[in-house]
Amino acid sequence: MVPSDLSKLVSDYLHKTFATLNTKNTLKVEELHAGKWWVASPDHWNYRAASKAVEGVFGVKPDLTREGGSIPVTLTFQDCLGKSVLLLPMGRGMLSFRMGTDFRG
């Protein structure tokens, strides 16, 4: 999917659905930022090696998630370098870089 195509489809759908509400309110759809998302296969040798290393160091299998797809520069690195990219977050799955110091667990 191309982000600009998806943005138009979502905006058109929201406006169409909003019109059926018969309200005096108004709707403004505004895209603040967009980029192509990145996704990789957990079956790639990078991920198998990283999983084995995490399990060896921490004694538990890693919790594989589909986070990080909204970091457009990841795809840029992969495309420019022509190499597979691995994101290896550390911490609990519920933690987020957006949380700052809000979490005291």
N, C-alpha and C. Protein backbone atom coordinates (compact mmCIF):
# COMPACT_ATOMS: atom_id res chain seq x y z
N MET A 1 0.83 -1.18 0.00
CA MET A 1 0.00 0.00 0.00
C MET A 1 0.87 1.24 0.00
N VAL A 2 0.39 2.22 -0.68
CA VAL A 2 1.08 3.51 -0.72
C VAL A 2 0.39 4.42 0.30
N PRO A 3 1.15 5.03 1.21
CA PRO A 3 0.54 5.83 2.27
C PRO A 3 -0.46 6.88 1.76
N SER A 4 -0.14 7.56 0.68
CA SER A 4 -1.05 8.60 0.19
C SER A 4 -2.37 7.99 -0.30
N ASP A 5 -2.31 6.82 -0.92
CA ASP A 5 -3.54 6.13 -1.35
C ASP A 5 -4.38 5.72 -0.15
N LEU A 6 -3.73 5.18 0.87
CA LEU A 6 -4.43 4.76 2.07
C LEU A 6 -5.06 5.95 2.78
N SER A 7 -4.33 7.05 2.85
CA SER A 7 -4.86 8.26 3.50
C SER A 7 -6.13 8.75 2.81
N LYS A 8 -6.14 8.73 1.50
CA LYS A 8 -7.32 9.16 0.76
C LYS A 8 -8.49 8.20 1.01
N LEU A 9 -8.24 6.89 0.99
CA LEU A 9 -9.29 5.92 1.24
C LEU A 9 -9.90 6.11 2.63
N VAL A 10 -9.06 6.30 3.63
CA VAL A 10 -9.55 6.49 4.99
C VAL A 10 -10.34 7.79 5.10
N SER A 11 -9.80 8.86 4.56
CA SER A 11 -10.49 10.15 4.60
C SER A 11 -11.85 10.08 3.90
N ASP A 12 -11.88 9.49 2.72
CA ASP A 12 -13.14 9.35 1.98
C ASP A 12 -14.16 8.55 2.78
N TYR A 13 -13.71 7.45 3.39
CA TYR A 13 -14.61 6.61 4.19
C TYR A 13 -15.15 7.38 5.39
N LEU A 14 -14.28 8.10 6.09
CA LEU A 14 -14.73 8.87 7.26
C LEU A 14 -15.74 9.94 6.87
N HIS A 15 -15.47 10.65 5.78
CA HIS A 15 -16.41 11.69 5.34
C HIS A 15 -17.75 11.07 4.91
N LYS A 16 -17.70 9.97 4.22
CA LYS A 16 -18.93 9.29 3.78
C LYS A 16 -19.75 8.83 4.99
N THR A 17 -19.08 8.21 5.95
CA THR A 17 -19.76 7.73 7.15
C THR A 17 -20.28 8.90 7.98
N PHE A 18 -19.50 9.95 8.11
CA PHE A 18 -19.90 11.12 8.89
C PHE A 18 -21.14 11.77 8.29
N ALA A 19 -21.22 11.78 6.97
CA ALA A 19 -22.37 12.40 6.29
C ALA A 19 -23.68 11.70 6.65
N THR A 20 -23.63 10.44 7.00
CA THR A 20 -24.85 9.70 7.35
C THR A 20 -25.36 10.04 8.74
N LEU A 21 -24.58 10.75 9.52
CA LEU A 21 -24.97 11.07 10.90
C LEU A 21 -25.97 12.23 11.00
N ASN A 22 -26.10 12.98 9.92
CA ASN A 22 -27.03 14.13 9.90
C ASN A 22 -26.82 15.03 11.12
N THR A 23 -25.61 15.48 11.28
CA THR A 23 -25.27 16.33 12.41
C THR A 23 -24.85 17.71 11.93
N LYS A 24 -24.95 18.69 12.82
CA LYS A 24 -24.50 20.05 12.50
C LYS A 24 -22.99 20.18 12.71
N ASN A 25 -22.40 19.17 13.30
CA ASN A 25 -20.96 19.18 13.52
C ASN A 25 -20.23 19.05 12.19
N THR A 26 -18.96 19.35 12.23
CA THR A 26 -18.15 19.22 11.02
C THR A 26 -17.02 18.23 11.26
N LEU A 27 -16.49 17.71 10.19
CA LEU A 27 -15.39 16.76 10.27
C LEU A 27 -14.23 17.27 9.43
N LYS A 28 -13.07 17.28 10.04
CA LYS A 28 -11.86 17.64 9.32
C LYS A 28 -10.85 16.51 9.53
N VAL A 29 -10.42 15.89 8.45
CA VAL A 29 -9.44 14.82 8.52
C VAL A 29 -8.10 15.40 8.07
N GLU A 30 -7.10 15.25 8.93
CA GLU A 30 -5.80 15.84 8.63
C GLU A 30 -4.71 14.81 8.91
N GLU A 31 -3.90 14.53 7.93
CA GLU A 31 -2.78 13.62 8.11
C GLU A 31 -1.58 14.41 8.60
N LEU A 32 -1.07 14.02 9.75
CA LEU A 32 0.05 14.76 10.33
C LEU A 32 1.41 14.25 9.84
N HIS A 33 1.49 12.95 9.61
CA HIS A 33 2.71 12.42 9.00
C HIS A 33 2.41 11.01 8.49
N ALA A 34 3.18 10.60 7.52
CA ALA A 34 2.98 9.26 6.96
C ALA A 34 4.30 8.76 6.38
N GLY A 35 4.39 7.49 6.27
CA GLY A 35 5.57 6.88 5.68
C GLY A 35 5.28 5.42 5.41
N LYS A 36 6.05 4.84 4.55
CA LYS A 36 5.88 3.42 4.28
C LYS A 36 6.30 2.64 5.52
N TRP A 37 5.52 1.62 5.85
CA TRP A 37 5.83 0.83 7.03
C TRP A 37 6.77 -0.30 6.66
N TRP A 38 7.40 -0.82 7.68
CA TRP A 38 8.38 -1.88 7.52
C TRP A 38 7.90 -3.10 8.30
N VAL A 39 8.08 -4.25 7.73
CA VAL A 39 7.77 -5.50 8.42
C VAL A 39 8.79 -6.54 7.95
N ALA A 40 9.15 -7.43 8.85
CA ALA A 40 10.12 -8.47 8.50
C ALA A 40 9.60 -9.82 9.01
N SER A 41 10.13 -10.87 8.45
CA SER A 41 9.71 -12.21 8.83
C SER A 41 10.52 -12.70 10.04
N PRO A 42 9.84 -13.22 11.06
CA PRO A 42 10.56 -13.78 12.20
C PRO A 42 11.30 -15.07 11.84
N ASP A 43 11.06 -15.57 10.63
CA ASP A 43 11.76 -16.77 10.17
C ASP A 43 13.09 -16.44 9.47
N HIS A 44 13.38 -15.16 9.28
CA HIS A 44 14.64 -14.76 8.66
C HIS A 44 15.78 -15.16 9.59
N TRP A 45 16.92 -15.48 9.04
CA TRP A 45 18.05 -15.93 9.86
C TRP A 45 18.46 -14.89 10.90
N ASN A 46 18.29 -13.59 10.58
CA ASN A 46 18.59 -12.53 11.56
C ASN A 46 17.80 -12.76 12.85
N TYR A 47 16.51 -12.98 12.67
CA TYR A 47 15.62 -13.12 13.82
C TYR A 47 15.85 -14.43 14.56
N ARG A 48 16.14 -15.49 13.82
CA ARG A 48 16.42 -16.76 14.48
C ARG A 48 17.70 -16.64 15.33
N ALA A 49 18.70 -15.97 14.79
CA ALA A 49 19.96 -15.77 15.53
C ALA A 49 19.73 -14.88 16.75
N ALA A 50 18.98 -13.80 16.57
CA ALA A 50 18.71 -12.88 17.68
C ALA A 50 17.88 -13.58 18.76
N SER A 51 16.90 -14.38 18.35
CA SER A 51 16.08 -15.12 19.32
C SER A 51 16.93 -16.08 20.13
N LYS A 52 17.83 -16.76 19.45
CA LYS A 52 18.72 -17.71 20.13
C LYS A 52 19.63 -16.98 21.12
N ALA A 53 20.13 -15.81 20.72
CA ALA A 53 21.01 -15.03 21.60
C ALA A 53 20.24 -14.52 22.82
N VAL A 54 19.03 -14.02 22.61
CA VAL A 54 18.23 -13.52 23.73
C VAL A 54 17.94 -14.65 24.71
N GLU A 55 17.57 -15.80 24.16
CA GLU A 55 17.27 -16.94 25.02
C GLU A 55 18.53 -17.39 25.78
N GLY A 56 19.68 -17.35 25.12
CA GLY A 56 20.93 -17.73 25.78
C GLY A 56 21.31 -16.79 26.91
N VAL A 57 21.09 -15.49 26.71
CA VAL A 57 21.47 -14.50 27.71
C VAL A 57 20.45 -14.42 28.85
N PHE A 58 19.16 -14.37 28.51
CA PHE A 58 18.13 -14.13 29.51
C PHE A 58 17.41 -15.41 29.98
N GLY A 59 17.64 -16.51 29.28
CA GLY A 59 17.04 -17.76 29.69
C GLY A 59 15.56 -17.91 29.34
N VAL A 60 15.04 -17.01 28.54
CA VAL A 60 13.63 -17.10 28.10
C VAL A 60 13.57 -16.77 26.61
N LYS A 61 12.58 -17.34 25.96
CA LYS A 61 12.37 -17.03 24.55
C LYS A 61 11.85 -15.60 24.44
N PRO A 62 12.28 -14.86 23.42
CA PRO A 62 11.81 -13.48 23.26
C PRO A 62 10.33 -13.43 22.88
N ASP A 63 9.69 -12.36 23.27
CA ASP A 63 8.29 -12.11 22.94
C ASP A 63 8.29 -11.35 21.61
N LEU A 64 8.10 -12.08 20.51
CA LEU A 64 8.13 -11.44 19.19
C LEU A 64 6.84 -10.66 18.98
N THR A 65 6.98 -9.41 18.64
CA THR A 65 5.83 -8.54 18.40
C THR A 65 5.97 -7.88 17.05
N ARG A 66 4.92 -7.24 16.60
CA ARG A 66 4.95 -6.51 15.32
C ARG A 66 5.03 -5.01 15.57
N GLU A 67 5.84 -4.61 16.50
CA GLU A 67 6.00 -3.19 16.79
C GLU A 67 7.16 -2.64 15.96
N GLY A 68 7.18 -1.34 15.76
CA GLY A 68 8.27 -0.72 15.03
C GLY A 68 7.97 -0.47 13.57
N GLY A 69 6.85 -0.96 13.10
CA GLY A 69 6.49 -0.78 11.70
C GLY A 69 6.22 0.66 11.33
N SER A 70 6.01 1.48 12.33
CA SER A 70 5.72 2.89 12.05
C SER A 70 6.99 3.75 12.09
N ILE A 71 8.13 3.11 12.06
CA ILE A 71 9.40 3.85 12.04
C ILE A 71 9.90 3.84 10.59
N PRO A 72 9.51 4.84 9.80
CA PRO A 72 9.82 4.82 8.36
C PRO A 72 11.29 4.70 8.02
N VAL A 73 12.17 5.20 8.87
CA VAL A 73 13.60 5.15 8.55
C VAL A 73 14.10 3.71 8.51
N THR A 74 13.43 2.78 9.18
CA THR A 74 13.84 1.38 9.14
C THR A 74 13.81 0.85 7.72
N LEU A 75 12.74 1.12 7.01
CA LEU A 75 12.62 0.69 5.62
C LEU A 75 13.66 1.39 4.75
N THR A 76 13.92 2.65 5.04
CA THR A 76 14.94 3.40 4.30
C THR A 76 16.30 2.75 4.46
N PHE A 77 16.66 2.39 5.70
CA PHE A 77 17.94 1.70 5.93
C PHE A 77 18.00 0.41 5.12
N GLN A 78 16.93 -0.37 5.19
CA GLN A 78 16.92 -1.66 4.49
C GLN A 78 17.06 -1.48 2.99
N ASP A 79 16.32 -0.52 2.44
CA ASP A 79 16.38 -0.28 0.99
C ASP A 79 17.74 0.26 0.55
N CYS A 80 18.27 1.22 1.29
CA CYS A 80 19.54 1.84 0.91
C CYS A 80 20.73 0.89 1.06
N LEU A 81 20.70 0.10 2.12
CA LEU A 81 21.82 -0.80 2.38
C LEU A 81 21.70 -2.13 1.65
N GLY A 82 20.48 -2.45 1.23
CA GLY A 82 20.26 -3.72 0.58
C GLY A 82 20.45 -4.90 1.52
N LYS A 83 20.25 -4.65 2.80
CA LYS A 83 20.44 -5.67 3.82
C LYS A 83 19.19 -5.76 4.69
N SER A 84 19.00 -6.92 5.29
CA SER A 84 17.88 -7.10 6.22
C SER A 84 18.13 -6.29 7.48
N VAL A 85 17.08 -5.75 8.04
CA VAL A 85 17.17 -4.95 9.25
C VAL A 85 16.51 -5.71 10.39
N LEU A 86 17.08 -5.60 11.57
CA LEU A 86 16.54 -6.24 12.76
C LEU A 86 16.34 -5.19 13.84
N LEU A 87 15.11 -5.07 14.34
CA LEU A 87 14.87 -4.21 15.50
C LEU A 87 14.84 -5.12 16.71
N LEU A 88 15.66 -4.81 17.68
CA LEU A 88 15.77 -5.65 18.86
C LEU A 88 15.52 -4.80 20.10
N PRO A 89 14.24 -4.61 20.45
CA PRO A 89 13.93 -3.81 21.63
C PRO A 89 14.24 -4.59 22.90
N MET A 90 14.52 -3.89 23.95
CA MET A 90 14.76 -4.51 25.25
C MET A 90 13.77 -3.93 26.24
N GLY A 91 13.23 -4.76 27.06
CA GLY A 91 12.27 -4.31 28.06
C GLY A 91 10.97 -5.06 27.92
N ARG A 92 10.00 -4.65 28.68
CA ARG A 92 8.70 -5.29 28.65
C ARG A 92 7.91 -4.83 27.44
N GLY A 93 7.05 -5.71 26.93
CA GLY A 93 6.25 -5.37 25.77
C GLY A 93 5.34 -4.18 26.00
N MET A 94 4.97 -3.93 27.26
CA MET A 94 4.05 -2.82 27.54
C MET A 94 4.77 -1.48 27.63
N LEU A 95 6.07 -1.47 27.62
CA LEU A 95 6.81 -0.21 27.67
C LEU A 95 6.81 0.44 26.30
N SER A 96 6.90 1.74 26.28
CA SER A 96 6.91 2.48 25.03
C SER A 96 7.87 3.65 25.15
N PHE A 97 8.59 3.93 24.08
CA PHE A 97 9.50 5.07 24.12
C PHE A 97 8.73 6.36 24.33
N ARG A 98 7.45 6.37 24.05
CA ARG A 98 6.64 7.57 24.23
C ARG A 98 6.26 7.80 25.69
N MET A 99 6.47 6.78 26.52
CA MET A 99 6.04 6.88 27.91
C MET A 99 7.00 7.69 28.77
N GLY A 100 8.23 7.87 28.33
CA GLY A 100 9.19 8.61 29.12
C GLY A 100 9.40 7.96 30.46
N THR A 101 9.25 8.74 31.51
CA THR A 101 9.46 8.21 32.86
C THR A 101 8.14 7.93 33.56
N ASP A 102 7.06 7.82 32.80
CA ASP A 102 5.74 7.59 33.40
C ASP A 102 5.62 6.21 34.02
N PHE A 103 6.37 5.24 33.53
CA PHE A 103 6.25 3.87 34.02
C PHE A 103 7.28 3.63 35.11
N ARG A 104 6.83 3.18 36.22
CA ARG A 104 7.74 2.90 37.34
C ARG A 104 7.52 1.46 37.80
N GLY A 105 7.89 0.48 36.95
CA GLY A 105 7.58 -0.91 37.24
C GLY A 105 8.65 -1.72 37.81
